[in-house]
Protein backbone atom coordinates (compact mmCIF):
# COMPACT_ATOMS: atom_id res chain seq x y z
CA UNK A 1 4.90 -22.85 -8.78
CA UNK A 2 1.65 -21.94 -7.02
CA UNK A 3 -1.10 -20.50 -9.20
CA UNK A 4 -1.15 -17.24 -7.30
CA UNK A 5 2.52 -16.59 -8.14
CA UNK A 6 3.20 -15.10 -11.57
CA UNK A 7 6.73 -14.62 -13.01
CA UNK A 8 7.64 -10.96 -13.38
CA UNK A 9 7.85 -10.92 -17.23
CA UNK A 10 4.36 -12.42 -17.56
CA UNK A 11 2.51 -9.91 -15.43
CA UNK A 12 -0.33 -8.06 -17.15
CA UNK A 13 -1.63 -4.90 -15.49
CA UNK A 14 -5.28 -5.45 -16.38
CA UNK A 15 -5.29 -9.17 -15.63
CA UNK A 16 -3.13 -9.31 -12.51
CA UNK A 17 -3.57 -5.80 -11.09
CA UNK A 18 0.14 -4.95 -10.96
CA UNK A 19 3.06 -4.39 -13.31
CA UNK A 20 6.79 -3.66 -13.03
CA UNK A 21 8.57 -1.54 -15.64
CA UNK A 22 11.96 0.15 -16.20
CA UNK A 23 13.70 -1.82 -13.47
CA UNK A 24 17.01 -1.84 -15.38
CA UNK A 25 18.10 -5.34 -14.41
CA UNK A 26 21.72 -6.19 -15.20
CA UNK A 27 22.35 -7.83 -18.56
CA UNK A 28 21.85 -11.58 -18.33
CA UNK A 29 19.68 -11.53 -15.21
CA UNK A 30 16.81 -14.03 -15.40
CA UNK A 31 13.67 -12.05 -14.52
CA UNK A 32 11.60 -15.24 -14.54
CA UNK A 33 13.27 -16.16 -11.25
CA UNK A 34 11.18 -13.41 -9.62
CA UNK A 35 7.52 -14.19 -8.97
CA UNK A 36 4.75 -11.95 -7.66
CA UNK A 37 2.01 -13.11 -5.29
CA UNK A 38 -0.96 -11.57 -7.07
CA UNK A 39 -3.43 -12.78 -4.43
CA UNK A 40 -1.53 -10.87 -1.74
CA UNK A 41 -1.52 -7.76 -3.93
CA UNK A 42 -5.25 -8.03 -4.60
CA UNK A 43 -6.13 -8.59 -0.94
CA UNK A 44 -4.24 -5.49 0.11
CA UNK A 45 -5.37 -3.17 -2.67
CA UNK A 46 -8.99 -4.27 -2.37
CA UNK A 47 -9.05 -3.61 1.36
CA UNK A 48 -7.34 -0.22 0.92
CA UNK A 49 -9.58 0.95 -1.93
CA UNK A 50 -6.69 0.91 -4.41
CA UNK A 51 -6.90 -0.16 -8.02
CA UNK A 52 -4.21 -1.12 -10.52
CA UNK A 53 -0.64 -0.76 -9.23
CA UNK A 54 2.19 0.32 -11.54
CA UNK A 55 5.71 -0.04 -10.15
CA UNK A 56 8.22 2.00 -12.17
CA UNK A 57 11.97 1.89 -11.74
CA UNK A 58 13.73 5.25 -11.51
CA UNK A 59 17.13 6.61 -10.57
CA UNK A 60 17.41 8.18 -7.14
CA UNK A 61 19.72 8.89 -4.21
CA UNK A 62 21.77 5.97 -3.00
CA UNK A 63 23.35 5.02 0.30
CA UNK A 64 26.60 6.73 1.19
CA UNK A 65 29.37 6.17 3.69
CA UNK A 66 30.53 8.90 6.03
CA UNK A 67 33.28 8.90 8.68
CA UNK A 68 31.96 8.12 12.16
CA UNK A 69 32.78 10.16 15.26
CA UNK A 70 35.03 8.09 17.53
CA UNK A 71 35.29 10.57 20.39
CA UNK A 72 35.41 14.16 21.65
CA UNK A 73 38.54 15.63 23.23
CA UNK A 74 38.79 18.03 26.20
CA UNK A 75 38.44 21.01 23.86
CA UNK A 76 35.13 19.70 22.57
CA UNK A 77 36.54 18.78 19.17
CA UNK A 78 35.18 15.64 17.56
CA UNK A 79 37.71 13.15 16.25
CA UNK A 80 36.87 10.99 13.25
CA UNK A 81 37.36 7.27 13.57
CA UNK A 82 38.38 4.70 11.03
CA UNK A 83 34.94 3.11 11.02
CA UNK A 84 32.32 4.10 8.51
CA UNK A 85 28.64 4.68 9.06
CA UNK A 86 26.23 4.06 6.20
CA UNK A 87 23.50 6.58 5.44
CA UNK A 88 20.78 4.43 3.93
CA UNK A 89 18.35 5.76 1.38
CA UNK A 90 14.83 4.46 0.88
CA UNK A 91 13.91 1.83 -1.68
CA UNK A 92 10.82 3.82 -2.69
CA UNK A 93 11.30 7.12 -4.52
CA UNK A 94 7.69 8.20 -4.35
CA UNK A 95 4.07 7.04 -4.31
CA UNK A 96 1.05 8.64 -5.94
CA UNK A 97 -2.56 7.55 -5.62
CA UNK A 98 -4.38 9.00 -8.60
CA UNK A 99 -7.27 11.34 -7.98
CA UNK A 100 -10.60 10.95 -9.72
CA UNK A 101 -9.58 13.39 -12.48
CA UNK A 102 -6.14 11.80 -12.92
CA UNK A 103 -7.74 8.36 -13.13
CA UNK A 104 -9.94 9.47 -16.01
CA UNK A 105 -6.91 10.56 -18.02
CA UNK A 106 -4.78 7.54 -17.09
CA UNK A 107 -7.42 4.88 -17.66
CA UNK A 108 -9.37 6.71 -20.38
CA UNK A 109 -12.76 6.27 -18.78
CA UNK A 110 -15.05 8.46 -16.73
CA UNK A 111 -15.47 8.02 -12.99
CA UNK A 112 -17.51 11.17 -12.42
CA UNK A 113 -20.71 9.28 -11.64
CA UNK A 114 -19.01 6.57 -9.59
CA UNK A 115 -19.51 6.90 -5.81
CA UNK A 116 -16.21 7.14 -3.97
CA UNK A 117 -16.90 3.98 -2.01
CA UNK A 118 -16.98 2.08 -5.33
CA UNK A 119 -13.85 3.67 -6.81
CA UNK A 120 -10.55 1.83 -6.59
CA UNK A 121 -7.82 4.39 -7.22
CA UNK A 122 -4.88 3.48 -9.49
CA UNK A 123 -1.50 3.78 -7.80
CA UNK A 124 2.01 4.52 -9.06
CA UNK A 125 5.06 3.44 -7.03
CA UNK A 126 8.58 4.55 -7.97
CA UNK A 127 11.33 2.05 -7.14
CA UNK A 128 14.77 3.50 -6.43
CA UNK A 129 16.93 1.28 -8.67
CA UNK A 130 20.07 3.26 -7.80
CA UNK A 131 19.68 2.25 -4.15
CA UNK A 132 18.96 -1.34 -5.20
CA UNK A 133 22.20 -1.58 -7.16
CA UNK A 134 24.20 -0.06 -4.31
CA UNK A 135 22.78 -2.48 -1.75
CA UNK A 136 23.28 -5.53 -3.93
CA UNK A 137 26.87 -4.55 -4.68
CA UNK A 138 27.82 -3.95 -1.03
CA UNK A 139 25.91 -6.84 0.59
CA UNK A 140 28.50 -9.50 1.37
CA UNK A 141 25.76 -12.06 2.09
CA UNK A 142 24.73 -12.07 -1.57
CA UNK A 143 27.21 -14.32 -3.34
CA UNK A 144 26.13 -13.25 -6.82
CA UNK A 145 25.84 -9.53 -6.14
CA UNK A 146 23.77 -7.77 -8.80
CA UNK A 147 22.84 -11.12 -10.34
CA UNK A 148 21.44 -12.56 -7.10
CA UNK A 149 17.65 -13.20 -7.42
CA UNK A 150 17.22 -13.21 -3.63
CA UNK A 151 18.56 -9.67 -3.43
CA UNK A 152 16.25 -8.48 -6.18
CA UNK A 153 13.21 -10.20 -4.66
CA UNK A 154 13.89 -8.68 -1.24
CA UNK A 155 14.22 -5.23 -2.81
CA UNK A 156 11.00 -5.49 -4.84
CA UNK A 157 9.09 -6.97 -1.91
CA UNK A 158 10.10 -3.96 0.22
CA UNK A 159 9.14 -1.60 -2.61
CA UNK A 160 5.65 -3.10 -2.90
CA UNK A 161 5.15 -3.34 0.87
CA UNK A 162 6.32 0.20 1.66
CA UNK A 163 4.62 1.57 -1.43
CA UNK A 164 1.25 0.08 -0.51
CA UNK A 165 1.61 1.33 3.07
CA UNK A 166 2.06 4.88 1.82
CA UNK A 167 -0.70 4.45 -0.79
CA UNK A 168 -3.09 3.22 1.91
CA UNK A 169 -2.43 6.38 3.90
CA UNK A 170 -2.92 8.61 0.84
CA UNK A 171 -6.14 6.85 -0.10
CA UNK A 172 -7.48 7.25 3.42
CA UNK A 173 -6.80 10.99 3.25
CA UNK A 174 -8.19 11.18 -0.28
CA UNK A 175 -11.64 9.76 0.44
CA UNK A 176 -14.01 12.69 0.98
CA UNK A 177 -16.80 12.99 3.49
CA UNK A 178 -18.90 10.39 1.72
CA UNK A 179 -18.27 7.96 4.57
CA UNK A 180 -19.38 10.66 6.99
CA UNK A 181 -22.72 10.93 5.22
CA UNK A 182 -25.91 11.88 7.01
CA UNK A 183 -27.29 8.36 7.03
CA UNK A 184 -24.31 6.90 8.86
CA UNK A 185 -24.11 9.91 11.14
CA UNK A 186 -27.71 9.66 12.30
CA UNK A 187 -27.55 5.88 12.64
CA UNK A 188 -24.51 6.25 14.88
CA UNK A 189 -25.90 9.13 16.93
CA UNK A 190 -29.19 7.28 17.28
CA UNK A 191 -27.46 4.19 18.65
CA UNK A 192 -25.56 6.18 21.28
CA UNK A 193 -28.65 8.19 22.22
CA UNK A 194 -30.82 5.10 22.72
CA UNK A 195 -28.24 3.48 24.96
CA UNK A 196 -27.85 6.67 26.95
CA UNK A 197 -31.60 7.08 27.44
CA UNK A 198 -31.98 3.46 28.54
CA UNK A 199 -29.69 4.12 31.48
CA UNK A 200 -26.13 3.15 32.29
CA UNK A 201 -25.08 0.02 30.38
CA UNK A 202 -21.80 -1.70 29.78
CA UNK A 203 -19.41 0.20 27.54
CA UNK A 204 -18.83 -2.94 25.49
CA UNK A 205 -22.55 -3.33 24.87
CA UNK A 206 -22.88 0.29 23.78
CA UNK A 207 -19.93 -0.04 21.45
CA UNK A 208 -21.29 -3.27 19.97
CA UNK A 209 -24.70 -1.80 19.24
CA UNK A 210 -23.11 1.39 17.93
CA UNK A 211 -20.90 -0.54 15.49
CA UNK A 212 -23.77 -2.80 14.44
CA UNK A 213 -26.14 0.03 13.58
CA UNK A 214 -23.36 2.06 12.01
CA UNK A 215 -22.38 -0.90 9.82
CA UNK A 216 -25.99 -1.53 8.85
CA UNK A 217 -26.27 2.12 7.87
CA UNK A 218 -23.19 1.84 5.66
CA UNK A 219 -24.64 -1.21 3.91
CA UNK A 220 -27.99 0.53 3.32
CA UNK A 221 -26.34 3.69 1.98
CA UNK A 222 -24.06 1.72 -0.33
CA UNK A 223 -26.99 -0.38 -1.54
CA UNK A 224 -28.74 2.84 -2.59
CA UNK A 225 -25.56 4.14 -4.24
CA UNK A 226 -25.07 0.81 -6.04
CA UNK A 227 -28.53 0.98 -7.59
CA UNK A 228 -28.08 4.59 -8.62
CA UNK A 229 -24.69 4.00 -10.25
CA UNK A 230 -25.38 0.55 -11.69
CA UNK A 231 -22.77 -1.20 -9.51
CA UNK A 232 -22.90 -4.28 -7.31
CA UNK A 233 -22.95 -3.98 -3.53
CA UNK A 234 -20.10 -6.52 -3.39
CA UNK A 235 -17.85 -3.90 -5.00
CA UNK A 236 -18.50 -1.34 -2.26
CA UNK A 237 -15.85 -0.54 0.34
CA UNK A 238 -18.19 -1.16 3.27
CA UNK A 239 -16.87 -0.12 6.66
CA UNK A 240 -18.06 -0.49 10.24
CA UNK A 241 -15.88 2.29 11.63
CA UNK A 242 -15.75 5.14 9.11
CA UNK A 243 -13.04 3.37 7.14
CA UNK A 244 -10.62 2.93 10.02
CA UNK A 245 -11.22 -0.84 10.08
CA UNK A 246 -10.27 -1.13 6.40
CA UNK A 247 -7.35 1.27 6.84
CA UNK A 248 -5.67 -0.67 9.63
CA UNK A 249 -6.46 -4.03 8.02
CA UNK A 250 -4.77 -2.76 4.83
CA UNK A 251 -1.68 -1.66 6.76
CA UNK A 252 -1.49 -5.07 8.45
CA UNK A 253 -1.72 -6.88 5.10
CA UNK A 254 0.92 -4.63 3.52
CA UNK A 255 3.34 -5.27 6.39
CA UNK A 256 2.88 -9.01 6.88
CA UNK A 257 2.47 -10.49 3.40
CA UNK A 258 5.19 -11.62 1.01
CA UNK A 259 4.60 -9.98 -2.37
CA UNK A 260 7.70 -10.94 -4.36
CA UNK A 261 9.70 -14.16 -4.05
CA UNK A 262 12.75 -15.66 -5.74
CA UNK A 263 12.25 -19.05 -7.38
CA UNK A 264 14.96 -21.71 -7.52
């Protein structure tokens, strides 16, 4: 097994950055068959400004079958067919990115003096185990049903992927106007003004200079914040485009990476 894959039972929240609890696996299921790609988790959470990720299993709504409409007669009355249409529920019951105050209580340490660009917010993802059981029972492609490791790995991979996508959005909305600070603002405005004064130039050139100066401004501001707070610049969530570059990169990573796999 690759070093970056850790079996589910051996995950440690502080060491690996993610944990799974209360998943209510069926009796006799070998949890060690499920492995988590901790490098993929770290890449995504780091880019999104997220910290430790706790995935908790919880009961929730499950998929249901309802009669499908097969046709409408001349009187406008719908007739029900023999076929059934499944109403699928989501694998994720809810996602919460902890605020600064919530983080202090959860992690038992103060973040009051920590600049927002250096704070990696803990995240809680609720996995809908009721929906998991329903899908594994009704999926004819899974020969072992509830005991099939491939079914469980697919479910947990979707939970982590969808959960991190939602967490990335919440974190983006959570970050205050620190990224819109005066330093970055004036660096950006200055870049546009200089290019405008110098006469008509290519849009690409203006955009390049704008991004360059804006990025330099973000580095300078975060360097000052790092010294004030006793942090390293390498821990800062530096952005060239007011966080949008990190936001979309995080979404891409959450959608394209494999987080949980089934081992033979």
